[in-house]
Amino acid sequence: MGNNHKHLQDECIRVQKVYDWVTDTLNVRKTVSFTPEQIVAIEEALDDPSRRPLRLVTKVPKTPPAFPLTGETSEAACPELYLCEQVGEKRDVTVALHGGFSEAQLVELLFTTDIKVQVVDRNGVIVVEQLVNASVFESFVLCYPDGTDLYCRITKIFARIPTGTVLLNSPSPTSFVVDITFCVDIQVEAEVKLEVLAKFCSPRENDLNAEESEGEMCPEVVFPQQCPDIYPRPGCLCRSRGTASGLTCEEDGATEAGRVTISVEICPNYNLSGSRFQLSLNDTGYTATEFTQDTLSCDEYAGGLRLTVSGRGTLDASGEQYKFNLAIVETADGNQFEVELIDRAGNKVFTTGVVKADSGEIAIENCLQHQ
């Protein structure tokens, strides 16, 4: 951003504030049966060499693009062939999160679509056609307080026939299976007046589960209460991805000599959720299971970037749990990295020392969009 912010002044704007944003992929399998009349038509086409082979084809409804959020588009869609709706009322629940508990709401959503299934001959002529209905009923735990509105969209529908799509000879199959996938986008919003400096957000994963609880929420605030533990979640200053290896040296502080390899993907979606880190050295294998948000740091180092992060994980062989400290450096001279493992008492039980990578590459990218 530089010094541009010095030219800004306080402004009050009316906006749709996002209280939660979840994307998910839902699947359903349908068995489609041909009628006796359709089987006769298919077998007649199969008996004609000029029409063989026949193909099973699925036609899914056209959905609006992810943007604009209103779903308005100049291209014709088919909203009458798909639907997302809330079933019943939302219910207040308590969820375990970050070692504590947070209040949230449980809603049940129904996703429905109609797809066309056709049998066509080698010339593209339709032999038979039928409409197939598919539905998925799914529960979502959301930050959905009173005063907010829930917006549910289906952004994409896929249909696939896993058993094969080509019909060569009689007799015709009496039924077949269709796998249908819904790509869904759930947002909770409310109109508010804000005075903010902002950056782009990303949706979170649909990763909360909760048991139902009794009671109603009656917040005594002008605007619906924010859920900072749920959304928006802290972003990342930088992200890293790749695999690198090098030799450890006891003279550089390593507790064990050998070739060490690390594989990382930190902040894959500009969010620490979904990150991964694995280490292997001789017979030692270690896999991270969680990352601590406030330990993530990124700064300049020797003309390049250095990323550090801590968390917890397990030894692959024994399942013992250890905390870890990870540091990765990327400069014009290549990569360096260091890993420490710490036991429950806070003692450092393992370290690679500073390792200069001689194989592979790990890239570090600055996530700040305004410099």
Protein backbone atom coordinates (compact mmCIF):
# COMPACT_ATOMS: atom_id res chain seq x y z
CA MET A 1 0.00 0.00 0.00
CA GLY A 2 2.99 2.30 0.55
CA ASN A 3 2.06 5.83 1.59
CA ASN A 4 -1.19 5.88 -0.40
CA HIS A 5 -3.22 5.45 2.77
CA LYS A 6 -2.14 8.94 3.87
CA HIS A 7 -4.45 10.33 1.17
CA LEU A 8 -7.49 8.42 2.43
CA GLN A 9 -10.20 9.93 4.61
CA ASP A 10 -12.83 8.37 6.84
CA GLU A 11 -15.89 7.27 4.90
CA CYS A 12 -19.06 5.46 5.96
CA ILE A 13 -20.33 2.90 3.45
CA ARG A 14 -23.30 0.54 3.35
CA VAL A 15 -22.26 -3.01 2.42
CA GLN A 16 -23.31 -6.63 2.68
CA LYS A 17 -21.09 -8.00 5.47
CA VAL A 18 -20.18 -11.70 5.17
CA TYR A 19 -20.60 -13.51 8.50
CA ASP A 20 -19.71 -16.95 7.11
CA TRP A 21 -18.76 -18.45 3.76
CA VAL A 22 -18.56 -22.18 3.06
CA THR A 23 -18.01 -24.15 -0.14
CA ASP A 24 -18.51 -27.90 -0.42
CA THR A 25 -18.84 -30.75 -2.90
CA LEU A 26 -21.79 -33.15 -2.45
CA ASN A 27 -22.27 -36.45 -4.29
CA VAL A 28 -25.22 -38.75 -4.91
CA ARG A 29 -25.55 -41.98 -6.93
CA LYS A 30 -28.75 -42.77 -8.84
CA THR A 31 -29.78 -46.00 -10.54
CA VAL A 32 -31.71 -45.29 -13.74
CA SER A 33 -33.97 -47.98 -15.22
CA PHE A 34 -35.23 -48.14 -18.79
CA THR A 35 -38.93 -48.74 -19.44
CA PRO A 36 -39.88 -51.78 -21.55
CA GLU A 37 -40.72 -49.44 -24.45
CA GLN A 38 -37.30 -47.78 -24.19
CA ILE A 39 -35.51 -51.16 -24.16
CA VAL A 40 -37.33 -52.15 -27.38
CA ALA A 41 -36.26 -48.87 -29.05
CA ILE A 42 -32.65 -49.33 -27.92
CA GLU A 43 -32.45 -52.94 -29.15
CA GLU A 44 -33.93 -51.97 -32.52
CA ALA A 45 -31.19 -49.33 -32.88
CA LEU A 46 -28.53 -51.85 -31.82
CA ASP A 47 -29.72 -54.28 -34.49
CA ASP A 48 -29.07 -51.63 -37.18
CA PRO A 49 -25.33 -51.64 -38.12
CA SER A 50 -25.61 -48.09 -39.48
CA ARG A 51 -26.63 -46.83 -36.01
CA ARG A 52 -24.22 -48.79 -33.78
CA PRO A 53 -22.58 -48.10 -31.40
CA LEU A 54 -25.01 -46.28 -29.12
CA ARG A 55 -23.84 -43.92 -26.37
CA LEU A 56 -25.29 -42.93 -23.00
CA VAL A 57 -25.16 -39.13 -22.64
CA THR A 58 -26.00 -36.92 -19.64
CA LYS A 59 -27.17 -33.31 -19.93
CA VAL A 60 -26.86 -31.20 -16.75
CA PRO A 61 -28.49 -27.79 -16.15
CA LYS A 62 -26.44 -24.71 -16.89
CA THR A 63 -25.59 -22.89 -13.64
CA PRO A 64 -24.61 -19.24 -13.14
CA PRO A 65 -20.91 -18.36 -12.69
CA ALA A 66 -19.35 -17.83 -9.26
CA PHE A 67 -19.36 -14.09 -9.90
CA PRO A 68 -21.35 -11.89 -9.72
CA LEU A 69 -22.71 -13.10 -6.38
CA THR A 70 -26.27 -12.22 -7.42
CA GLY A 71 -26.13 -14.97 -10.04
CA GLU A 72 -27.27 -12.55 -12.72
CA THR A 73 -25.73 -13.35 -16.11
CA SER A 74 -26.48 -12.58 -19.72
CA GLU A 75 -26.19 -16.27 -20.59
CA ALA A 76 -29.37 -18.30 -20.22
CA ALA A 77 -29.35 -20.66 -17.26
CA CYS A 78 -31.99 -23.20 -16.22
CA PRO A 79 -32.93 -22.34 -12.60
CA GLU A 80 -36.11 -24.40 -12.87
CA LEU A 81 -33.96 -27.56 -13.15
CA TYR A 82 -32.03 -27.12 -9.89
CA LEU A 83 -32.80 -25.82 -6.41
CA CYS A 84 -31.14 -25.17 -3.06
CA GLU A 85 -33.46 -24.55 -0.09
CA GLN A 86 -33.36 -24.54 3.71
CA VAL A 87 -35.47 -27.23 5.36
CA GLY A 88 -36.89 -26.31 8.76
CA GLU A 89 -35.57 -23.67 11.16
CA LYS A 90 -31.96 -23.10 12.20
CA ARG A 91 -30.95 -24.40 15.64
CA ASP A 92 -28.39 -23.06 18.10
CA VAL A 93 -25.46 -25.41 18.78
CA THR A 94 -22.14 -25.35 20.60
CA VAL A 95 -19.04 -26.49 18.69
CA ALA A 96 -15.54 -27.37 19.88
CA LEU A 97 -13.04 -25.07 18.19
CA HIS A 98 -9.40 -24.14 18.86
CA GLY A 99 -9.40 -25.86 22.25
CA GLY A 100 -12.55 -24.06 23.41
CA PHE A 101 -16.24 -23.76 22.55
CA SER A 102 -18.12 -21.39 20.23
CA GLU A 103 -21.79 -20.73 19.64
CA ALA A 104 -23.04 -21.40 16.11
CA GLN A 105 -26.18 -22.40 14.21
CA LEU A 106 -27.12 -25.70 12.56
CA VAL A 107 -29.11 -25.60 9.31
CA GLU A 108 -30.26 -28.35 6.98
CA LEU A 109 -30.18 -27.69 3.23
CA LEU A 110 -31.71 -29.64 0.36
CA PHE A 111 -30.02 -29.61 -3.06
CA THR A 112 -32.10 -30.88 -5.98
CA THR A 113 -31.56 -31.12 -9.72
CA ASP A 114 -33.09 -32.68 -12.84
CA ILE A 115 -30.71 -34.02 -15.47
CA LYS A 116 -31.45 -35.46 -18.89
CA VAL A 117 -30.17 -38.92 -19.77
CA GLN A 118 -30.16 -39.78 -23.47
CA VAL A 119 -29.24 -42.78 -25.59
CA VAL A 120 -27.96 -41.52 -28.96
CA ASP A 121 -26.79 -43.41 -32.04
CA ARG A 122 -23.54 -42.92 -33.96
CA ASN A 123 -25.20 -40.11 -35.98
CA GLY A 124 -26.22 -38.19 -32.87
CA VAL A 125 -29.92 -39.05 -33.24
CA ILE A 126 -31.69 -39.50 -29.89
CA VAL A 127 -33.02 -43.03 -29.44
CA VAL A 128 -34.59 -42.56 -25.98
CA GLU A 129 -34.53 -39.79 -23.37
CA GLN A 130 -35.66 -39.44 -19.78
CA LEU A 131 -35.46 -36.90 -16.95
CA VAL A 132 -33.71 -38.03 -13.75
CA ASN A 133 -34.19 -36.27 -10.40
CA ALA A 134 -31.40 -36.27 -7.79
CA SER A 135 -31.35 -34.75 -4.29
CA VAL A 136 -28.82 -34.38 -1.48
CA PHE A 137 -29.79 -33.45 2.10
CA GLU A 138 -26.86 -31.99 4.07
CA SER A 139 -26.40 -30.28 7.47
CA PHE A 140 -24.13 -27.24 7.86
CA VAL A 141 -22.78 -25.59 11.02
CA LEU A 142 -22.58 -21.86 10.31
CA CYS A 143 -22.19 -18.46 11.90
CA TYR A 144 -25.85 -17.59 11.22
CA PRO A 145 -27.08 -15.27 14.01
CA ASP A 146 -30.46 -13.56 14.07
CA GLY A 147 -30.56 -10.58 11.71
CA THR A 148 -28.53 -12.27 8.96
CA ASP A 149 -29.69 -13.85 5.71
CA LEU A 150 -28.55 -17.18 4.27
CA TYR A 151 -27.74 -17.40 0.56
CA CYS A 152 -27.41 -20.86 -0.95
CA ARG A 153 -26.21 -21.42 -4.52
CA ILE A 154 -25.35 -24.36 -6.74
CA THR A 155 -22.38 -23.19 -8.81
CA LYS A 156 -21.79 -26.35 -10.86
CA ILE A 157 -23.42 -29.74 -11.50
CA PHE A 158 -21.56 -32.76 -12.88
CA ALA A 159 -22.99 -36.10 -14.02
CA ARG A 160 -20.93 -39.19 -14.82
CA ILE A 161 -21.77 -42.78 -15.76
CA PRO A 162 -19.02 -44.87 -14.09
CA THR A 163 -20.03 -48.21 -15.64
CA GLY A 164 -19.30 -47.15 -19.24
CA THR A 165 -21.21 -45.13 -21.81
CA VAL A 166 -21.01 -47.24 -24.99
CA LEU A 167 -23.65 -49.84 -25.97
CA LEU A 168 -22.42 -52.23 -28.66
CA ASN A 169 -24.73 -55.22 -28.91
CA SER A 170 -28.07 -56.60 -27.78
CA PRO A 171 -29.47 -57.32 -25.29
CA SER A 172 -29.75 -53.80 -23.91
CA PRO A 173 -28.99 -53.26 -20.18
CA THR A 174 -32.15 -52.66 -18.19
CA SER A 175 -30.53 -50.08 -15.89
CA PHE A 176 -27.34 -48.12 -15.27
CA VAL A 177 -25.77 -45.91 -12.58
CA VAL A 178 -25.26 -42.13 -12.69
CA ASP A 179 -22.98 -40.26 -10.25
CA ILE A 180 -24.13 -36.66 -9.74
CA THR A 181 -21.98 -33.98 -8.06
CA PHE A 182 -23.19 -30.64 -6.67
CA CYS A 183 -20.68 -27.78 -6.19
CA VAL A 184 -22.31 -25.55 -3.57
CA ASP A 185 -21.61 -22.08 -2.17
CA ILE A 186 -23.17 -21.05 1.17
CA GLN A 187 -22.92 -17.46 2.47
CA VAL A 188 -24.42 -15.70 5.48
CA GLU A 189 -24.76 -11.94 5.08
CA ALA A 190 -26.30 -8.83 6.64
CA GLU A 191 -26.44 -5.21 5.55
CA VAL A 192 -24.26 -3.00 7.77
CA LYS A 193 -22.47 0.36 7.75
CA LEU A 194 -18.69 0.04 7.93
CA GLU A 195 -15.54 2.08 7.92
CA VAL A 196 -12.77 -0.32 6.89
CA LEU A 197 -9.50 -1.09 5.12
CA ALA A 198 -9.78 -4.57 3.60
CA LYS A 199 -8.19 -7.43 1.66
CA PHE A 200 -9.66 -10.32 -0.33
CA CYS A 201 -11.12 -13.29 1.61
CA SER A 202 -11.39 -16.98 0.76
CA PRO A 203 -14.14 -19.40 1.79
CA ARG A 204 -13.46 -21.83 4.64
CA GLU A 205 -13.91 -25.57 4.48
CA ASN A 206 -17.13 -27.20 5.68
CA ASP A 207 -15.30 -28.65 8.71
CA LEU A 208 -17.52 -28.03 11.76
CA ASN A 209 -19.71 -30.63 13.46
CA ALA A 210 -21.91 -30.15 16.50
CA GLU A 211 -24.60 -31.75 18.62
CA GLU A 212 -27.87 -29.88 18.88
CA SER A 213 -28.53 -27.72 21.93
CA GLU A 214 -31.57 -25.99 23.41
CA GLY A 215 -32.18 -22.25 23.65
CA GLU A 216 -32.45 -19.13 21.53
CA MET A 217 -29.96 -16.40 20.74
CA CYS A 218 -31.02 -12.86 21.62
CA PRO A 219 -28.02 -10.59 20.95
CA GLU A 220 -28.40 -7.05 22.28
CA VAL A 221 -26.42 -5.36 19.52
CA VAL A 222 -27.25 -3.09 16.62
CA PHE A 223 -25.76 -5.50 14.09
CA PRO A 224 -25.68 -9.32 14.36
CA GLN A 225 -22.81 -10.55 16.49
CA GLN A 226 -19.60 -11.47 14.68
CA CYS A 227 -18.11 -14.99 15.01
CA PRO A 228 -14.34 -14.31 14.85
CA ASP A 229 -13.41 -17.87 15.84
CA ILE A 230 -15.36 -19.24 12.88
CA TYR A 231 -15.09 -16.61 10.13
CA PRO A 232 -13.25 -14.74 8.79
CA ARG A 233 -10.20 -16.77 9.74
CA PRO A 234 -6.76 -15.15 9.78
CA GLY A 235 -5.01 -15.06 6.43
CA CYS A 236 -1.38 -15.77 5.65
CA LEU A 237 1.46 -13.31 5.11
CA CYS A 238 3.13 -15.82 2.82
CA ARG A 239 2.76 -19.38 1.58
CA SER A 240 5.16 -22.14 0.64
CA ARG A 241 5.11 -25.33 -1.41
CA GLY A 242 7.62 -27.94 -2.56
CA THR A 243 10.03 -30.70 -1.56
CA ALA A 244 13.73 -30.37 -0.77
CA SER A 245 16.47 -32.47 0.79
CA GLY A 246 20.04 -32.11 2.01
CA LEU A 247 22.62 -33.56 4.37
CA THR A 248 22.55 -32.85 8.10
CA CYS A 249 25.80 -32.14 9.94
CA GLU A 250 26.40 -32.57 13.65
CA GLU A 251 28.85 -29.67 13.51
CA ASP A 252 25.89 -27.45 12.55
CA GLY A 253 23.88 -28.61 15.55
CA ALA A 254 22.09 -31.64 14.09
CA THR A 255 21.21 -34.42 16.53
CA GLU A 256 21.48 -37.07 13.79
CA ALA A 257 23.57 -37.26 10.62
CA GLY A 258 22.04 -38.32 7.32
CA ARG A 259 19.94 -37.13 4.40
CA VAL A 260 16.84 -35.27 5.47
CA THR A 261 13.86 -34.53 3.21
CA ILE A 262 10.96 -32.20 3.91
CA SER A 263 7.76 -31.75 1.92
CA VAL A 264 5.54 -28.75 2.64
CA GLU A 265 2.42 -26.97 1.48
CA ILE A 266 1.82 -24.04 3.82
CA CYS A 267 -1.28 -21.85 3.30
CA PRO A 268 -2.45 -23.56 0.08
CA ASN A 269 -5.51 -21.31 -0.21
CA TYR A 270 -4.05 -18.25 1.54
CA ASN A 271 -5.31 -19.90 4.74
CA LEU A 272 -3.42 -22.09 7.20
CA SER A 273 -6.25 -24.64 7.12
CA GLY A 274 -5.30 -27.53 4.85
CA SER A 275 -1.54 -27.03 5.26
CA ARG A 276 0.77 -30.05 5.39
CA PHE A 277 4.38 -30.78 6.45
CA GLN A 278 6.30 -34.07 6.41
CA LEU A 279 9.91 -34.91 7.34
CA SER A 280 12.02 -38.03 6.83
CA LEU A 281 15.58 -38.69 8.05
CA ASN A 282 17.07 -42.19 8.02
CA ASP A 283 14.43 -44.25 9.88
CA THR A 284 12.62 -41.21 11.30
CA GLY A 285 9.36 -40.04 9.72
CA TYR A 286 7.28 -37.16 11.10
CA THR A 287 3.92 -35.76 9.90
CA ALA A 288 2.37 -32.50 11.13
CA THR A 289 -1.26 -32.76 12.26
CA GLU A 290 -1.96 -29.12 13.21
CA PHE A 291 -0.46 -25.68 12.72
CA THR A 292 -0.55 -22.73 15.14
CA GLN A 293 -1.80 -19.57 13.38
CA ASP A 294 0.00 -16.96 15.50
CA THR A 295 3.40 -18.65 14.93
CA LEU A 296 3.28 -18.16 11.16
CA SER A 297 5.82 -15.50 10.20
CA CYS A 298 7.40 -14.29 6.97
CA ASP A 299 10.25 -11.81 6.62
CA GLU A 300 13.05 -10.81 4.28
CA TYR A 301 16.28 -12.77 4.56
CA ALA A 302 19.50 -12.36 2.53
CA GLY A 303 17.66 -10.92 -0.45
CA GLY A 304 14.97 -13.59 -0.27
CA LEU A 305 12.20 -14.72 2.07
CA ARG A 306 12.11 -16.78 5.27
CA LEU A 307 8.97 -18.57 6.50
CA THR A 308 8.63 -19.93 10.03
CA VAL A 309 5.74 -21.82 11.58
CA SER A 310 5.12 -24.13 14.54
CA GLY A 311 2.57 -26.77 15.38
CA ARG A 312 2.11 -30.36 16.45
CA GLY A 313 2.49 -33.76 14.79
CA THR A 314 3.35 -37.44 15.26
CA LEU A 315 6.23 -39.80 14.54
CA ASP A 316 5.09 -42.09 11.73
CA ALA A 317 6.47 -45.29 13.30
CA SER A 318 5.42 -44.94 16.95
CA GLY A 319 2.62 -42.38 16.83
CA GLU A 320 4.31 -40.31 19.58
CA GLN A 321 3.32 -36.65 19.55
CA TYR A 322 5.86 -33.82 19.41
CA LYS A 323 5.62 -30.12 18.77
CA PHE A 324 7.64 -28.79 15.84
CA ASN A 325 9.35 -25.57 14.76
CA LEU A 326 9.91 -25.22 11.01
CA ALA A 327 11.99 -22.57 9.21
CA ILE A 328 12.40 -22.36 5.41
CA VAL A 329 14.54 -19.89 3.49
CA GLU A 330 14.41 -19.20 -0.25
CA THR A 331 17.10 -16.98 -1.80
CA ALA A 332 18.88 -16.75 -5.14
CA ASP A 333 21.34 -19.35 -3.77
CA GLY A 334 18.57 -21.91 -3.20
CA ASN A 335 16.82 -23.28 -0.13
CA GLN A 336 17.83 -23.74 3.48
CA PHE A 337 15.65 -25.24 6.18
CA GLU A 338 15.69 -26.28 9.83
CA VAL A 339 13.30 -28.48 11.85
CA GLU A 340 13.09 -28.95 15.62
CA LEU A 341 10.96 -31.48 17.52
CA ILE A 342 9.98 -30.72 21.14
CA ASP A 343 8.50 -33.13 23.70
CA ARG A 344 5.67 -32.50 26.19
CA ALA A 345 8.11 -31.22 28.80
CA GLY A 346 9.42 -28.56 26.41
CA ASN A 347 12.74 -30.29 25.75
CA LYS A 348 14.22 -30.18 22.25
CA VAL A 349 14.69 -33.87 21.38
CA PHE A 350 15.59 -33.56 17.71
CA THR A 351 16.94 -30.95 15.29
CA THR A 352 18.21 -31.07 11.74
CA GLY A 353 20.39 -28.02 12.26
CA VAL A 354 20.55 -25.61 9.33
CA VAL A 355 20.41 -27.72 6.15
CA LYS A 356 21.38 -26.40 2.73
CA ALA A 357 19.19 -28.14 0.17
CA ASP A 358 21.06 -29.83 -2.67
CA SER A 359 18.00 -31.47 -4.25
CA GLY A 360 14.44 -30.29 -4.94
CA GLU A 361 12.98 -26.82 -4.51
CA ILE A 362 10.64 -25.07 -2.10
CA ALA A 363 9.05 -21.81 -3.25
CA ILE A 364 7.93 -19.06 -0.86
CA GLU A 365 5.38 -16.53 -2.10
CA ASN A 366 4.43 -13.25 -0.43
CA CYS A 367 0.65 -13.27 0.04
CA LEU A 368 0.24 -9.53 0.58
CA GLN A 369 -1.69 -8.20 -2.39
CA HIS A 370 -0.92 -4.51 -1.73
CA GLN A 371 2.71 -3.48 -1.18
